[in-house]
């Protein structure tokens, strides 16, 4: 085990590499939690979209049946008022065609409904599994809370960063007690996560080495 430098108050002081390692570990834990949450939200949104689509298809099928029945009733009423055998045959053939179209449409809707129900059941299983996995990971993370709190405290002590949450940008100040200085910063340009982390470490390094 490596020996850490001891301060005046006999408190172990971490090296820069150890401090960076702890901070990267904390960042990785939080990033993993965010990704798990996003995956659950995506599964839930997909499930809701499939359910809404199935409801819309069922409504459309019911309306198609209603329209077909009305058309058949209209034709039948029309035939009741006429006494023309040739016209009757034509109307009967039309009724038969409408009946076959209706049967075909209903068959297609039933198949689509079965597929949608199967997809929904699969999504429910995926959602339940993801939720269970997320709960287990939360439980595991809960056991690590004391260690993470200590790590975060070390991170705050080492970096000296105090965030300015009122700013629209990434902003705050870096307190360097050994130099008795306070360095403000504000990152305005768009950055990716790597660029932000790299620039912050450069600012921290500059603040703590300002008088060297």
N, C-alpha and C. Protein backbone atom coordinates (compact mmCIF):
# COMPACT_ATOMS: atom_id res chain seq x y z
N UNK A 1 0.86 -1.20 0.00
CA UNK A 1 0.00 0.00 0.00
C UNK A 1 0.89 1.24 0.00
N UNK A 2 0.52 2.24 -0.78
CA UNK A 2 1.34 3.43 -0.88
C UNK A 2 1.20 4.28 0.37
N UNK A 3 2.29 4.94 0.79
CA UNK A 3 2.23 5.84 1.93
C UNK A 3 1.85 7.21 1.44
N UNK A 4 0.82 7.81 2.05
CA UNK A 4 0.38 9.15 1.68
C UNK A 4 1.11 10.19 2.51
N UNK A 5 1.30 11.33 1.93
CA UNK A 5 1.92 12.44 2.66
C UNK A 5 1.00 12.87 3.79
N UNK A 6 1.54 13.10 4.98
CA UNK A 6 0.75 13.49 6.14
C UNK A 6 0.84 14.99 6.31
N UNK A 7 -0.31 15.62 6.58
CA UNK A 7 -0.35 17.06 6.81
C UNK A 7 -0.07 17.38 8.25
N UNK A 8 -0.19 18.67 8.59
CA UNK A 8 0.04 19.12 9.97
C UNK A 8 -0.95 18.50 10.93
N UNK A 9 -2.19 18.25 10.46
CA UNK A 9 -3.22 17.68 11.34
C UNK A 9 -3.27 16.17 11.24
N UNK A 10 -2.20 15.55 10.73
CA UNK A 10 -2.10 14.08 10.62
C UNK A 10 -3.17 13.50 9.70
N UNK A 11 -3.72 14.31 8.81
CA UNK A 11 -4.72 13.83 7.84
C UNK A 11 -4.01 13.44 6.55
N UNK A 12 -4.27 12.23 6.02
CA UNK A 12 -3.59 11.82 4.77
C UNK A 12 -3.95 12.76 3.62
N UNK A 13 -2.96 13.14 2.84
CA UNK A 13 -3.20 13.97 1.66
C UNK A 13 -2.98 13.11 0.42
N UNK A 14 -3.92 13.25 -0.52
CA UNK A 14 -3.83 12.45 -1.74
C UNK A 14 -2.94 13.15 -2.76
N UNK A 15 -2.31 12.36 -3.60
CA UNK A 15 -1.56 12.91 -4.73
C UNK A 15 -2.54 13.35 -5.80
N UNK A 16 -2.03 14.10 -6.78
CA UNK A 16 -2.92 14.55 -7.87
C UNK A 16 -3.48 13.36 -8.64
N UNK A 17 -2.67 12.35 -8.91
CA UNK A 17 -3.16 11.18 -9.65
C UNK A 17 -4.25 10.45 -8.88
N UNK A 18 -4.06 10.32 -7.55
CA UNK A 18 -5.08 9.65 -6.73
C UNK A 18 -6.37 10.46 -6.70
N UNK A 19 -6.23 11.79 -6.59
CA UNK A 19 -7.43 12.65 -6.56
C UNK A 19 -8.18 12.56 -7.87
N UNK A 20 -7.43 12.60 -8.99
CA UNK A 20 -8.08 12.47 -10.29
C UNK A 20 -8.77 11.13 -10.42
N UNK A 21 -8.13 10.08 -9.95
CA UNK A 21 -8.74 8.74 -10.02
C UNK A 21 -10.05 8.68 -9.25
N UNK A 22 -10.05 9.27 -8.04
CA UNK A 22 -11.29 9.28 -7.24
C UNK A 22 -12.39 10.07 -7.94
N UNK A 23 -12.04 11.21 -8.49
CA UNK A 23 -13.04 12.04 -9.18
C UNK A 23 -13.59 11.32 -10.42
N UNK A 24 -12.71 10.66 -11.15
CA UNK A 24 -13.17 9.92 -12.33
C UNK A 24 -14.09 8.77 -11.93
N UNK A 25 -13.80 8.15 -10.77
CA UNK A 25 -14.66 7.04 -10.29
C UNK A 25 -16.05 7.57 -9.94
N UNK A 26 -16.10 8.74 -9.27
CA UNK A 26 -17.40 9.35 -8.94
C UNK A 26 -18.16 9.69 -10.21
N UNK A 27 -17.45 10.30 -11.18
CA UNK A 27 -18.11 10.65 -12.44
C UNK A 27 -18.66 9.44 -13.15
N UNK A 28 -17.92 8.33 -13.13
CA UNK A 28 -18.39 7.10 -13.80
C UNK A 28 -19.64 6.55 -13.13
N UNK A 29 -19.70 6.62 -11.78
CA UNK A 29 -20.90 6.13 -11.07
C UNK A 29 -22.13 6.93 -11.45
N UNK A 30 -21.99 8.28 -11.46
CA UNK A 30 -23.14 9.12 -11.80
C UNK A 30 -23.54 8.94 -13.25
N UNK A 31 -22.56 8.80 -14.15
CA UNK A 31 -22.88 8.61 -15.58
C UNK A 31 -23.63 7.30 -15.79
N UNK A 32 -23.23 6.24 -15.07
CA UNK A 32 -23.92 4.95 -15.18
C UNK A 32 -25.37 5.07 -14.72
N UNK A 33 -25.58 5.81 -13.62
CA UNK A 33 -26.95 6.00 -13.14
C UNK A 33 -27.81 6.76 -14.14
N UNK A 34 -27.23 7.78 -14.79
CA UNK A 34 -27.98 8.55 -15.78
C UNK A 34 -28.36 7.69 -16.97
N UNK A 35 -27.42 6.86 -17.44
CA UNK A 35 -27.71 5.99 -18.59
C UNK A 35 -28.80 4.99 -18.26
N UNK A 36 -28.78 4.42 -17.05
CA UNK A 36 -29.83 3.46 -16.66
C UNK A 36 -31.19 4.14 -16.63
N UNK A 37 -31.24 5.38 -16.12
CA UNK A 37 -32.51 6.10 -16.08
C UNK A 37 -33.03 6.39 -17.47
N UNK A 38 -32.11 6.80 -18.38
CA UNK A 38 -32.53 7.08 -19.75
C UNK A 38 -33.07 5.83 -20.43
N UNK A 39 -32.44 4.67 -20.17
CA UNK A 39 -32.90 3.43 -20.79
C UNK A 39 -34.31 3.06 -20.31
N UNK A 40 -34.59 3.28 -19.03
CA UNK A 40 -35.94 3.01 -18.52
C UNK A 40 -36.98 3.93 -19.15
N UNK A 41 -36.62 5.23 -19.27
CA UNK A 41 -37.56 6.17 -19.87
C UNK A 41 -37.84 5.82 -21.33
N UNK A 42 -36.81 5.37 -22.06
CA UNK A 42 -37.01 4.99 -23.47
C UNK A 42 -37.92 3.78 -23.59
N UNK A 43 -37.74 2.78 -22.73
CA UNK A 43 -38.61 1.60 -22.75
C UNK A 43 -40.05 1.98 -22.44
N UNK A 44 -40.22 2.86 -21.45
CA UNK A 44 -41.57 3.28 -21.08
C UNK A 44 -42.24 4.04 -22.23
N UNK A 45 -41.48 4.94 -22.89
CA UNK A 45 -42.04 5.70 -24.00
C UNK A 45 -42.43 4.78 -25.16
N UNK A 46 -41.58 3.79 -25.47
CA UNK A 46 -41.90 2.83 -26.54
C UNK A 46 -43.15 2.05 -26.21
N UNK A 47 -43.27 1.62 -24.96
CA UNK A 47 -44.45 0.87 -24.52
C UNK A 47 -45.72 1.72 -24.69
N UNK A 48 -45.67 2.99 -24.28
CA UNK A 48 -46.84 3.86 -24.40
C UNK A 48 -47.20 4.11 -25.85
N UNK A 49 -46.19 4.28 -26.72
CA UNK A 49 -46.47 4.50 -28.14
C UNK A 49 -47.15 3.29 -28.77
N UNK A 50 -46.69 2.07 -28.42
CA UNK A 50 -47.31 0.86 -28.96
C UNK A 50 -48.75 0.73 -28.47
N UNK A 51 -48.97 1.07 -27.21
CA UNK A 51 -50.32 0.95 -26.66
C UNK A 51 -51.28 1.94 -27.34
N UNK A 52 -50.80 3.18 -27.56
CA UNK A 52 -51.64 4.18 -28.24
C UNK A 52 -51.93 3.74 -29.66
N UNK A 53 -50.92 3.18 -30.36
CA UNK A 53 -51.11 2.71 -31.73
C UNK A 53 -52.16 1.60 -31.80
N UNK A 54 -52.12 0.67 -30.84
CA UNK A 54 -53.09 -0.42 -30.81
C UNK A 54 -54.50 0.11 -30.58
N UNK A 55 -54.64 1.08 -29.68
CA UNK A 55 -55.96 1.66 -29.41
C UNK A 55 -56.50 2.35 -30.66
N UNK A 56 -55.62 3.09 -31.37
CA UNK A 56 -56.06 3.77 -32.60
C UNK A 56 -56.51 2.76 -33.66
N UNK A 57 -55.78 1.65 -33.79
CA UNK A 57 -56.16 0.63 -34.77
C UNK A 57 -57.49 -0.01 -34.42
N UNK A 58 -57.72 -0.24 -33.14
CA UNK A 58 -59.00 -0.82 -32.72
C UNK A 58 -60.15 0.14 -33.00
N UNK A 59 -59.92 1.44 -32.75
CA UNK A 59 -60.96 2.42 -33.05
C UNK A 59 -61.26 2.45 -34.54
N UNK A 60 -60.18 2.40 -35.35
CA UNK A 60 -60.36 2.41 -36.80
C UNK A 60 -61.13 1.18 -37.27
N UNK A 61 -60.83 0.02 -36.67
CA UNK A 61 -61.53 -1.21 -37.05
C UNK A 61 -63.01 -1.12 -36.71
N UNK A 62 -63.30 -0.61 -35.52
CA UNK A 62 -64.71 -0.48 -35.12
C UNK A 62 -65.46 0.47 -36.05
N UNK A 63 -64.79 1.58 -36.41
CA UNK A 63 -65.45 2.53 -37.30
C UNK A 63 -65.67 1.93 -38.68
N UNK A 64 -64.72 1.12 -39.16
CA UNK A 64 -64.88 0.45 -40.45
C UNK A 64 -66.08 -0.49 -40.43
N UNK A 65 -66.21 -1.24 -39.35
CA UNK A 65 -67.35 -2.15 -39.23
C UNK A 65 -68.67 -1.38 -39.22
N UNK A 66 -68.69 -0.28 -38.46
CA UNK A 66 -69.92 0.53 -38.40
C UNK A 66 -70.28 1.07 -39.78
N UNK A 67 -69.27 1.58 -40.50
CA UNK A 67 -69.53 2.12 -41.83
C UNK A 67 -70.03 1.04 -42.79
N UNK A 68 -69.44 -0.15 -42.73
CA UNK A 68 -69.87 -1.25 -43.59
C UNK A 68 -71.31 -1.67 -43.28
N UNK A 69 -71.62 -1.76 -42.01
CA UNK A 69 -72.98 -2.15 -41.62
C UNK A 69 -74.00 -1.13 -42.10
N UNK A 70 -73.66 0.15 -41.97
CA UNK A 70 -74.56 1.20 -42.45
C UNK A 70 -74.77 1.09 -43.96
N UNK A 71 -73.69 0.81 -44.68
CA UNK A 71 -73.80 0.69 -46.14
C UNK A 71 -74.68 -0.51 -46.51
N UNK A 72 -74.48 -1.62 -45.81
CA UNK A 72 -75.30 -2.81 -46.08
C UNK A 72 -76.77 -2.53 -45.78
N UNK A 73 -77.02 -1.86 -44.68
CA UNK A 73 -78.41 -1.54 -44.33
C UNK A 73 -79.03 -0.59 -45.36
N UNK A 74 -78.21 0.34 -45.84
CA UNK A 74 -78.73 1.27 -46.84
C UNK A 74 -79.11 0.53 -48.12
N UNK A 75 -78.22 -0.39 -48.53
CA UNK A 75 -78.50 -1.15 -49.75
C UNK A 75 -79.72 -2.05 -49.57
N UNK A 76 -79.80 -2.69 -48.43
CA UNK A 76 -80.95 -3.55 -48.17
C UNK A 76 -82.26 -2.75 -48.16
N UNK A 77 -82.22 -1.57 -47.57
CA UNK A 77 -83.42 -0.74 -47.55
C UNK A 77 -83.79 -0.30 -48.97
N UNK A 78 -82.74 0.00 -49.74
CA UNK A 78 -83.00 0.40 -51.12
C UNK A 78 -83.64 -0.75 -51.91
N UNK A 79 -83.15 -1.97 -51.67
CA UNK A 79 -83.69 -3.13 -52.39
C UNK A 79 -85.12 -3.44 -51.96
N UNK A 80 -85.42 -3.17 -50.72
CA UNK A 80 -86.78 -3.42 -50.24
C UNK A 80 -87.79 -2.51 -50.94
N UNK A 81 -87.30 -1.37 -51.40
CA UNK A 81 -88.20 -0.41 -52.04
C UNK A 81 -88.29 -0.62 -53.55
N UNK A 82 -87.53 -1.57 -54.07
CA UNK A 82 -87.53 -1.80 -55.52
C UNK A 82 -87.98 -3.22 -55.83
N UNK A 83 -88.46 -3.40 -57.03
CA UNK A 83 -88.88 -4.74 -57.48
C UNK A 83 -88.29 -4.99 -58.86
N UNK A 84 -86.97 -4.99 -58.89
CA UNK A 84 -86.26 -5.14 -60.15
C UNK A 84 -85.25 -6.27 -59.97
N UNK A 85 -85.48 -7.40 -60.64
CA UNK A 85 -84.65 -8.58 -60.43
C UNK A 85 -83.20 -8.36 -60.86
N UNK A 86 -82.98 -7.67 -61.99
CA UNK A 86 -81.61 -7.43 -62.46
C UNK A 86 -80.85 -6.54 -61.48
N UNK A 87 -81.54 -5.48 -61.04
CA UNK A 87 -80.92 -4.58 -60.06
C UNK A 87 -80.67 -5.30 -58.75
N UNK A 88 -81.59 -6.19 -58.40
CA UNK A 88 -81.45 -6.96 -57.17
C UNK A 88 -80.20 -7.82 -57.21
N UNK A 89 -79.97 -8.49 -58.35
CA UNK A 89 -78.79 -9.33 -58.49
C UNK A 89 -77.52 -8.49 -58.34
N UNK A 90 -77.50 -7.33 -58.97
CA UNK A 90 -76.32 -6.47 -58.88
C UNK A 90 -76.06 -6.03 -57.45
N UNK A 91 -77.13 -5.69 -56.77
CA UNK A 91 -76.99 -5.25 -55.39
C UNK A 91 -76.54 -6.38 -54.47
N UNK A 92 -77.04 -7.56 -54.75
CA UNK A 92 -76.63 -8.72 -53.94
C UNK A 92 -75.14 -9.00 -54.14
N UNK A 93 -74.70 -8.89 -55.41
CA UNK A 93 -73.28 -9.09 -55.68
C UNK A 93 -72.43 -8.03 -54.98
N UNK A 94 -72.95 -6.82 -54.96
CA UNK A 94 -72.23 -5.74 -54.27
C UNK A 94 -72.16 -6.01 -52.77
N UNK A 95 -73.27 -6.50 -52.23
CA UNK A 95 -73.29 -6.86 -50.82
C UNK A 95 -72.28 -7.97 -50.52
N UNK A 96 -72.21 -8.94 -51.40
CA UNK A 96 -71.28 -10.04 -51.20
C UNK A 96 -69.83 -9.54 -51.25
N UNK A 97 -69.58 -8.62 -52.19
CA UNK A 97 -68.23 -8.05 -52.29
C UNK A 97 -67.88 -7.28 -51.02
N UNK A 98 -68.83 -6.49 -50.55
CA UNK A 98 -68.60 -5.73 -49.33
C UNK A 98 -68.36 -6.66 -48.14
N UNK A 99 -69.08 -7.77 -48.11
CA UNK A 99 -68.91 -8.71 -47.01
C UNK A 99 -67.50 -9.30 -47.01
N UNK A 100 -67.01 -9.67 -48.22
CA UNK A 100 -65.66 -10.23 -48.30
C UNK A 100 -64.59 -9.19 -47.95
N UNK A 101 -64.81 -7.96 -48.37
CA UNK A 101 -63.87 -6.90 -48.02
C UNK A 101 -63.83 -6.71 -46.51
N UNK A 102 -65.01 -6.73 -45.91
CA UNK A 102 -65.09 -6.56 -44.47
C UNK A 102 -64.40 -7.71 -43.74
N UNK A 103 -64.62 -8.93 -44.19
CA UNK A 103 -63.97 -10.08 -43.56
C UNK A 103 -62.45 -10.00 -43.69
N UNK A 104 -61.99 -9.59 -44.87
CA UNK A 104 -60.55 -9.46 -45.08
C UNK A 104 -59.96 -8.38 -44.17
N UNK A 105 -60.69 -7.26 -44.07
CA UNK A 105 -60.22 -6.16 -43.22
C UNK A 105 -60.17 -6.59 -41.76
N UNK A 106 -61.19 -7.29 -41.31
CA UNK A 106 -61.21 -7.75 -39.93
C UNK A 106 -60.08 -8.75 -39.66
N UNK A 107 -59.80 -9.60 -40.64
CA UNK A 107 -58.71 -10.57 -40.48
C UNK A 107 -57.36 -9.85 -40.35
N UNK A 108 -57.15 -8.83 -41.18
CA UNK A 108 -55.91 -8.07 -41.09
C UNK A 108 -55.79 -7.37 -39.75
N UNK A 109 -56.90 -6.80 -39.28
CA UNK A 109 -56.87 -6.10 -38.01
C UNK A 109 -56.58 -7.04 -36.85
N UNK A 110 -57.14 -8.26 -36.92
CA UNK A 110 -56.88 -9.24 -35.86
C UNK A 110 -55.40 -9.62 -35.83
N UNK A 111 -54.82 -9.81 -37.03
CA UNK A 111 -53.39 -10.15 -37.09
C UNK A 111 -52.54 -9.00 -36.54
N UNK A 112 -52.90 -7.78 -36.92
CA UNK A 112 -52.14 -6.63 -36.41
C UNK A 112 -52.28 -6.51 -34.90
N UNK A 113 -53.48 -6.79 -34.40
CA UNK A 113 -53.70 -6.72 -32.96
C UNK A 113 -52.86 -7.77 -32.23
N UNK A 114 -52.78 -8.98 -32.79
CA UNK A 114 -51.96 -10.03 -32.16
C UNK A 114 -50.49 -9.62 -32.12
N UNK A 115 -50.02 -9.04 -33.23
CA UNK A 115 -48.62 -8.60 -33.28
C UNK A 115 -48.37 -7.50 -32.26
N UNK A 116 -49.30 -6.54 -32.19
CA UNK A 116 -49.15 -5.43 -31.24
C UNK A 116 -49.17 -5.95 -29.80
N UNK A 117 -50.08 -6.88 -29.51
CA UNK A 117 -50.15 -7.43 -28.16
C UNK A 117 -48.86 -8.16 -27.80
N UNK A 118 -48.31 -8.90 -28.77
CA UNK A 118 -47.05 -9.61 -28.52
C UNK A 118 -45.92 -8.62 -28.26
N UNK A 119 -45.90 -7.53 -29.06
CA UNK A 119 -44.86 -6.52 -28.86
C UNK A 119 -45.01 -5.84 -27.51
N UNK A 120 -46.25 -5.57 -27.14
CA UNK A 120 -46.49 -4.92 -25.85
C UNK A 120 -46.06 -5.82 -24.70
N UNK A 121 -46.39 -7.12 -24.79
CA UNK A 121 -45.97 -8.06 -23.75
C UNK A 121 -44.45 -8.12 -23.65
N UNK A 122 -43.80 -8.11 -24.81
CA UNK A 122 -42.33 -8.14 -24.81
C UNK A 122 -41.76 -6.88 -24.18
N UNK A 123 -42.38 -5.73 -24.50
CA UNK A 123 -41.91 -4.48 -23.91
C UNK A 123 -42.14 -4.45 -22.40
N UNK A 124 -43.27 -5.01 -21.96
CA UNK A 124 -43.54 -5.07 -20.53
C UNK A 124 -42.48 -5.90 -19.82
N UNK A 125 -42.12 -7.04 -20.44
CA UNK A 125 -41.08 -7.89 -19.85
C UNK A 125 -39.74 -7.14 -19.79
N UNK A 126 -39.42 -6.45 -20.88
CA UNK A 126 -38.16 -5.69 -20.90
C UNK A 126 -38.18 -4.58 -19.85
N UNK A 127 -39.34 -3.92 -19.74
CA UNK A 127 -39.46 -2.83 -18.77
C UNK A 127 -39.33 -3.37 -17.34
N UNK A 128 -40.02 -4.49 -17.06
CA UNK A 128 -39.94 -5.08 -15.72
C UNK A 128 -38.51 -5.51 -15.40
N UNK A 129 -37.84 -6.13 -16.40
CA UNK A 129 -36.47 -6.57 -16.17
C UNK A 129 -35.55 -5.38 -15.93
N UNK A 130 -35.71 -4.33 -16.75
CA UNK A 130 -34.87 -3.14 -16.60
C UNK A 130 -35.13 -2.46 -15.26
N UNK A 131 -36.42 -2.43 -14.86
CA UNK A 131 -36.77 -1.81 -13.59
C UNK A 131 -36.17 -2.59 -12.42
N UNK A 132 -36.25 -3.93 -12.51
CA UNK A 132 -35.67 -4.76 -11.46
C UNK A 132 -34.15 -4.59 -11.40
N UNK A 133 -33.53 -4.57 -12.59
CA UNK A 133 -32.08 -4.39 -12.64
C UNK A 133 -31.69 -3.03 -12.09
N UNK A 134 -32.49 -2.00 -12.44
CA UNK A 134 -32.20 -0.66 -11.94
C UNK A 134 -32.33 -0.60 -10.42
N UNK A 135 -33.39 -1.28 -9.89
CA UNK A 135 -33.59 -1.30 -8.44
C UNK A 135 -32.42 -1.99 -7.74
N UNK A 136 -31.95 -3.10 -8.34
CA UNK A 136 -30.81 -3.81 -7.76
C UNK A 136 -29.56 -2.93 -7.78
N UNK A 137 -29.37 -2.21 -8.88
CA UNK A 137 -28.20 -1.34 -8.97
C UNK A 137 -28.31 -0.18 -7.99
N UNK A 138 -29.55 0.32 -7.79
CA UNK A 138 -29.75 1.40 -6.81
C UNK A 138 -29.43 0.89 -5.41
N UNK A 139 -29.86 -0.35 -5.13
CA UNK A 139 -29.56 -0.94 -3.82
C UNK A 139 -28.06 -1.09 -3.63
N UNK A 140 -27.39 -1.57 -4.68
CA UNK A 140 -25.94 -1.72 -4.60
C UNK A 140 -25.26 -0.36 -4.45
N UNK A 141 -25.79 0.64 -5.18
CA UNK A 141 -25.21 1.98 -5.07
C UNK A 141 -25.43 2.55 -3.67
N UNK A 142 -26.61 2.20 -3.08
CA UNK A 142 -26.91 2.69 -1.74
C UNK A 142 -25.88 2.22 -0.72
N UNK A 143 -25.37 1.00 -0.92
CA UNK A 143 -24.35 0.50 0.00
C UNK A 143 -23.03 1.25 -0.18
N UNK A 144 -22.87 1.86 -1.35
CA UNK A 144 -21.63 2.59 -1.61
C UNK A 144 -21.72 4.07 -1.25
N UNK A 145 -22.90 4.49 -0.75
CA UNK A 145 -23.10 5.92 -0.48
C UNK A 145 -22.06 6.47 0.50
N UNK A 146 -21.79 5.79 1.65
CA UNK A 146 -20.77 6.35 2.55
C UNK A 146 -19.42 6.54 1.87
N UNK A 147 -19.02 5.54 1.07
CA UNK A 147 -17.74 5.67 0.37
C UNK A 147 -17.78 6.80 -0.65
N UNK A 148 -18.93 6.92 -1.35
CA UNK A 148 -19.05 7.98 -2.34
C UNK A 148 -19.05 9.36 -1.68
N UNK A 149 -19.72 9.45 -0.51
CA UNK A 149 -19.72 10.73 0.20
C UNK A 149 -18.30 11.13 0.59
N UNK A 150 -17.54 10.16 1.07
CA UNK A 150 -16.16 10.43 1.43
C UNK A 150 -15.35 10.84 0.20
N UNK A 151 -15.61 10.13 -0.91
CA UNK A 151 -14.89 10.45 -2.15
C UNK A 151 -15.22 11.85 -2.63
N UNK A 152 -16.53 12.20 -2.57
CA UNK A 152 -16.95 13.54 -3.01
C UNK A 152 -16.34 14.61 -2.11
N UNK A 153 -16.28 14.31 -0.80
CA UNK A 153 -15.68 15.27 0.13
C UNK A 153 -14.20 15.47 -0.21
N UNK A 154 -13.51 14.38 -0.53
CA UNK A 154 -12.11 14.48 -0.93
C UNK A 154 -11.99 15.28 -2.23
N UNK A 155 -12.92 15.00 -3.17
CA UNK A 155 -12.93 15.73 -4.45
C UNK A 155 -13.07 17.23 -4.21
N UNK A 156 -14.04 17.62 -3.36
CA UNK A 156 -14.26 19.04 -3.09
C UNK A 156 -13.05 19.66 -2.40
N UNK A 157 -12.45 18.90 -1.47
CA UNK A 157 -11.29 19.40 -0.74
C UNK A 157 -10.08 19.57 -1.66
N UNK A 158 -9.88 18.60 -2.55
CA UNK A 158 -8.71 18.64 -3.43
C UNK A 158 -8.86 19.71 -4.52
N UNK A 159 -10.02 19.71 -5.19
CA UNK A 159 -10.20 20.62 -6.33
C UNK A 159 -10.49 22.04 -5.88
N UNK A 160 -11.21 22.19 -4.76
CA UNK A 160 -11.58 23.53 -4.31
C UNK A 160 -12.65 24.18 -5.14
N UNK A 161 -13.37 23.41 -5.99
CA UNK A 161 -14.39 23.99 -6.87
C UNK A 161 -15.66 24.30 -6.09
N UNK A 162 -16.17 25.51 -6.29
CA UNK A 162 -17.49 25.89 -5.78
C UNK A 162 -18.30 26.35 -6.99
N UNK A 163 -19.38 25.62 -7.31
CA UNK A 163 -20.13 25.86 -8.54
C UNK A 163 -21.06 27.06 -8.40
N UNK A 164 -21.22 27.79 -9.50
CA UNK A 164 -22.20 28.88 -9.58
C UNK A 164 -23.40 28.39 -10.38
N UNK A 165 -24.43 27.88 -9.68
CA UNK A 165 -25.58 27.30 -10.36
C UNK A 165 -26.52 28.36 -10.93
N UNK A 166 -26.30 29.63 -10.61
CA UNK A 166 -27.16 30.68 -11.17
C UNK A 166 -26.74 31.07 -12.58
N UNK A 167 -25.55 30.67 -13.00
CA UNK A 167 -25.07 31.01 -14.34
C UNK A 167 -25.68 30.09 -15.39
N UNK A 168 -25.85 30.61 -16.61
CA UNK A 168 -26.35 29.80 -17.72
C UNK A 168 -25.24 28.93 -18.31
N UNK A 169 -24.00 29.20 -17.91
CA UNK A 169 -22.86 28.45 -18.43
C UNK A 169 -22.24 27.61 -17.31
N UNK A 170 -21.19 26.88 -17.64
CA UNK A 170 -20.45 26.13 -16.63
C UNK A 170 -19.54 27.13 -15.92
N UNK A 171 -19.89 27.48 -14.68
CA UNK A 171 -19.19 28.56 -14.01
C UNK A 171 -19.03 28.25 -12.53
N UNK A 172 -18.11 28.99 -11.90
CA UNK A 172 -17.88 28.84 -10.47
C UNK A 172 -16.55 29.45 -10.12
N UNK A 173 -15.97 29.01 -9.01
CA UNK A 173 -14.67 29.50 -8.60
C UNK A 173 -13.88 28.35 -7.99
N UNK A 174 -12.56 28.51 -7.99
CA UNK A 174 -11.66 27.51 -7.43
C UNK A 174 -10.91 28.14 -6.27
N UNK A 175 -11.12 27.58 -5.09
CA UNK A 175 -10.49 28.09 -3.88
C UNK A 175 -9.19 27.35 -3.64
N UNK A 176 -8.09 28.08 -3.58
CA UNK A 176 -6.79 27.49 -3.32
C UNK A 176 -6.28 28.06 -2.00
N UNK A 177 -6.60 27.41 -0.86
CA UNK A 177 -6.25 27.98 0.44
C UNK A 177 -4.74 28.11 0.65
N UNK A 178 -3.96 27.19 0.07
CA UNK A 178 -2.52 27.28 0.28
C UNK A 178 -1.92 28.52 -0.38
N UNK A 179 -2.58 29.03 -1.43
CA UNK A 179 -2.15 30.27 -2.08
C UNK A 179 -2.98 31.47 -1.61
N UNK A 180 -4.00 31.20 -0.76
CA UNK A 180 -4.91 32.24 -0.30
C UNK A 180 -5.48 33.02 -1.48
N UNK A 181 -6.02 32.25 -2.45
CA UNK A 181 -6.54 32.88 -3.67
C UNK A 181 -7.86 32.23 -4.06
N UNK A 182 -8.63 32.98 -4.86
CA UNK A 182 -9.92 32.50 -5.36
C UNK A 182 -9.97 32.81 -6.85
N UNK A 183 -10.03 31.76 -7.68
CA UNK A 183 -10.00 31.93 -9.14
C UNK A 183 -11.39 31.63 -9.71
N UNK A 184 -12.02 32.62 -10.32
CA UNK A 184 -13.33 32.39 -10.94
C UNK A 184 -13.14 31.87 -12.36
N UNK A 185 -14.14 31.14 -12.86
CA UNK A 185 -14.08 30.61 -14.22
C UNK A 185 -15.50 30.53 -14.80
N UNK A 186 -15.58 30.56 -16.12
CA UNK A 186 -16.86 30.41 -16.83
C UNK A 186 -16.55 29.85 -18.22
N UNK A 187 -17.08 28.66 -18.50
CA UNK A 187 -16.85 28.00 -19.80
C UNK A 187 -18.06 28.28 -20.69
N UNK A 188 -17.90 29.20 -21.64
CA UNK A 188 -19.02 29.64 -22.47
C UNK A 188 -19.17 28.81 -23.74
N UNK A 189 -18.05 28.48 -24.37
CA UNK A 189 -18.13 27.76 -25.65
C UNK A 189 -18.70 26.37 -25.43
N UNK A 190 -19.40 25.82 -26.44
CA UNK A 190 -19.91 24.44 -26.30
C UNK A 190 -18.77 23.45 -26.15
N UNK A 191 -18.93 22.50 -25.23
CA UNK A 191 -17.90 21.50 -24.96
C UNK A 191 -18.54 20.12 -24.88
N UNK A 192 -17.73 19.12 -25.17
CA UNK A 192 -18.15 17.76 -24.83
C UNK A 192 -17.64 17.45 -23.43
N UNK A 193 -18.04 16.30 -22.88
CA UNK A 193 -17.68 15.96 -21.51
C UNK A 193 -16.17 15.90 -21.32
N UNK A 194 -15.46 15.32 -22.29
CA UNK A 194 -14.01 15.19 -22.17
C UNK A 194 -13.35 16.57 -22.14
N UNK A 195 -13.81 17.47 -23.02
CA UNK A 195 -13.21 18.80 -23.09
C UNK A 195 -13.45 19.58 -21.80
N UNK A 196 -14.67 19.46 -21.25
CA UNK A 196 -14.98 20.15 -20.00
C UNK A 196 -14.08 19.64 -18.87
N UNK A 197 -13.99 18.31 -18.74
CA UNK A 197 -13.17 17.72 -17.68
C UNK A 197 -11.70 18.15 -17.83
N UNK A 198 -11.20 18.13 -19.05
CA UNK A 198 -9.80 18.48 -19.29
C UNK A 198 -9.53 19.95 -18.94
N UNK A 199 -10.47 20.83 -19.36
CA UNK A 199 -10.27 22.25 -19.09
C UNK A 199 -10.36 22.55 -17.59
N UNK A 200 -11.29 21.87 -16.90
CA UNK A 200 -11.41 22.07 -15.45
C UNK A 200 -10.13 21.63 -14.73
N UNK A 201 -9.58 20.48 -15.14
CA UNK A 201 -8.34 20.03 -14.50
C UNK A 201 -7.20 21.01 -14.75
N UNK A 202 -7.16 21.62 -15.93
CA UNK A 202 -6.14 22.62 -16.20
C UNK A 202 -6.32 23.86 -15.31
N UNK A 203 -7.59 24.28 -15.12
CA UNK A 203 -7.87 25.43 -14.25
C UNK A 203 -7.49 25.12 -12.81
N UNK A 204 -7.83 23.89 -12.36
CA UNK A 204 -7.50 23.49 -10.99
C UNK A 204 -5.98 23.47 -10.80
N UNK A 205 -5.29 22.89 -11.76
CA UNK A 205 -3.84 22.80 -11.68
C UNK A 205 -3.21 24.19 -11.64
N UNK A 206 -3.73 25.10 -12.47
CA UNK A 206 -3.21 26.46 -12.50
C UNK A 206 -3.47 27.18 -11.18
N UNK A 207 -4.67 26.99 -10.61
CA UNK A 207 -5.03 27.67 -9.36
C UNK A 207 -4.15 27.21 -8.21
N UNK A 208 -3.88 25.91 -8.14
CA UNK A 208 -3.10 25.37 -7.02
C UNK A 208 -1.60 25.55 -7.21
N UNK A 209 -1.18 25.89 -8.42
CA UNK A 209 0.25 26.08 -8.66
C UNK A 209 0.57 27.54 -8.98
N UNK A 210 -0.37 28.44 -8.65
CA UNK A 210 -0.26 29.83 -9.09
C UNK A 210 1.00 30.51 -8.57
N UNK A 211 1.43 30.14 -7.37
CA UNK A 211 2.58 30.85 -6.78
C UNK A 211 3.85 30.02 -6.81
N UNK A 212 3.82 28.88 -7.46
CA UNK A 212 5.02 28.04 -7.51
C UNK A 212 6.05 28.62 -8.50
